[in-house]
Amino acid sequence: MRALLAQLSPVAGAIESNLARLESLLGEHPDVQLAVFPELFLQGYRLSQAGELAIAADSEQIQRLADAARRAQTAVIVGFAEALPSGGTANSAACIDADGTLAGVHRKSQLFGAAERSAFQEGDELLVVSLAGCAVAPLICFEVEFPEPARSVAAAGAQLLVTIAANMEPYGAEHELAARARALDNRRPHLYVNTVGTYGPLTFVGASAAIDSSGQITALAGREEQPLEVEVPPAWQDAGGDIDYLTHMRSGPRVRVATTQMGEGGGSR
């Protein structure tokens, strides 16, 4: 599969401009089967206006995005601030297949910092969705820093991990390590797509990447806008060894918390 890592700087608050950029970019990359855009791409990372700018999953803008995917015959994952049916706002990823079907919406389950927690409601489930004939698991930014979400979707059958992010200084090194680790942990290829640019005091660091199932980076963007076409690394095939962690991990070892106190000499007392 060929994919587009759309490392861009969206215009904060300008949904129409960002949608037009997405439509244009799909037309400029006709050979990709999957195009991935960053966290909150449609509205930009403007948390103070997240509720005001939020749109529903069945909104005209999402339908326009679906129409663009259908015309291009390209599956799309894109971040947006979602107006929830029950009220409130979620930090979400719309997953649209190449025929224009809205295959699913993933809502960020791990919110970062007080500003995100005040702007959004946490999602309460993870998602595996069929895009371009592949079982894809979308994750959003801070979720990649925990082993459990990626492990859960891999165990549920995901063939490809896709993380969309708005990761900023000084956390670039953490995401580089975490993105590689989640691929290695689960022996799954991983596409990581980040934002660039500056919003107020925040500087987003880019470094979008394709990562193979051994945790090695096969394609890497810099810190500027850089729509990057990549070949999705192939799924790792078991060659008979004991390194398929997902298959060989024992389940059920219990944890015992020792309560014995240690004396100054190292012995128990």
Foldseek 3Di string as FASTA:
>chain_A
DKEKQFAEAADAQALPVLLVVVLVVLVVCLPHQEYEEAFQRNHGPDLVCLQVSAAACPDPSVLSVLVSLQVSLHWYWYWHWHQDPVGATFGWIFTAASNSDRFDIDGAQDADDPSRVVRGDHDDDWDFTAHSNFTETEHEAVVLLDLPVLLVSLLVPHQEYEYHYADFPPCPVSCLVSQLVSLQQQQHKYWYHYYADDDVPTGGWTFTFTAGSNSHTPDTDGRHRDTDMDDRHHGDDDPPDQRNNSPNPDPDDDDDDDDFDADPVRHTD
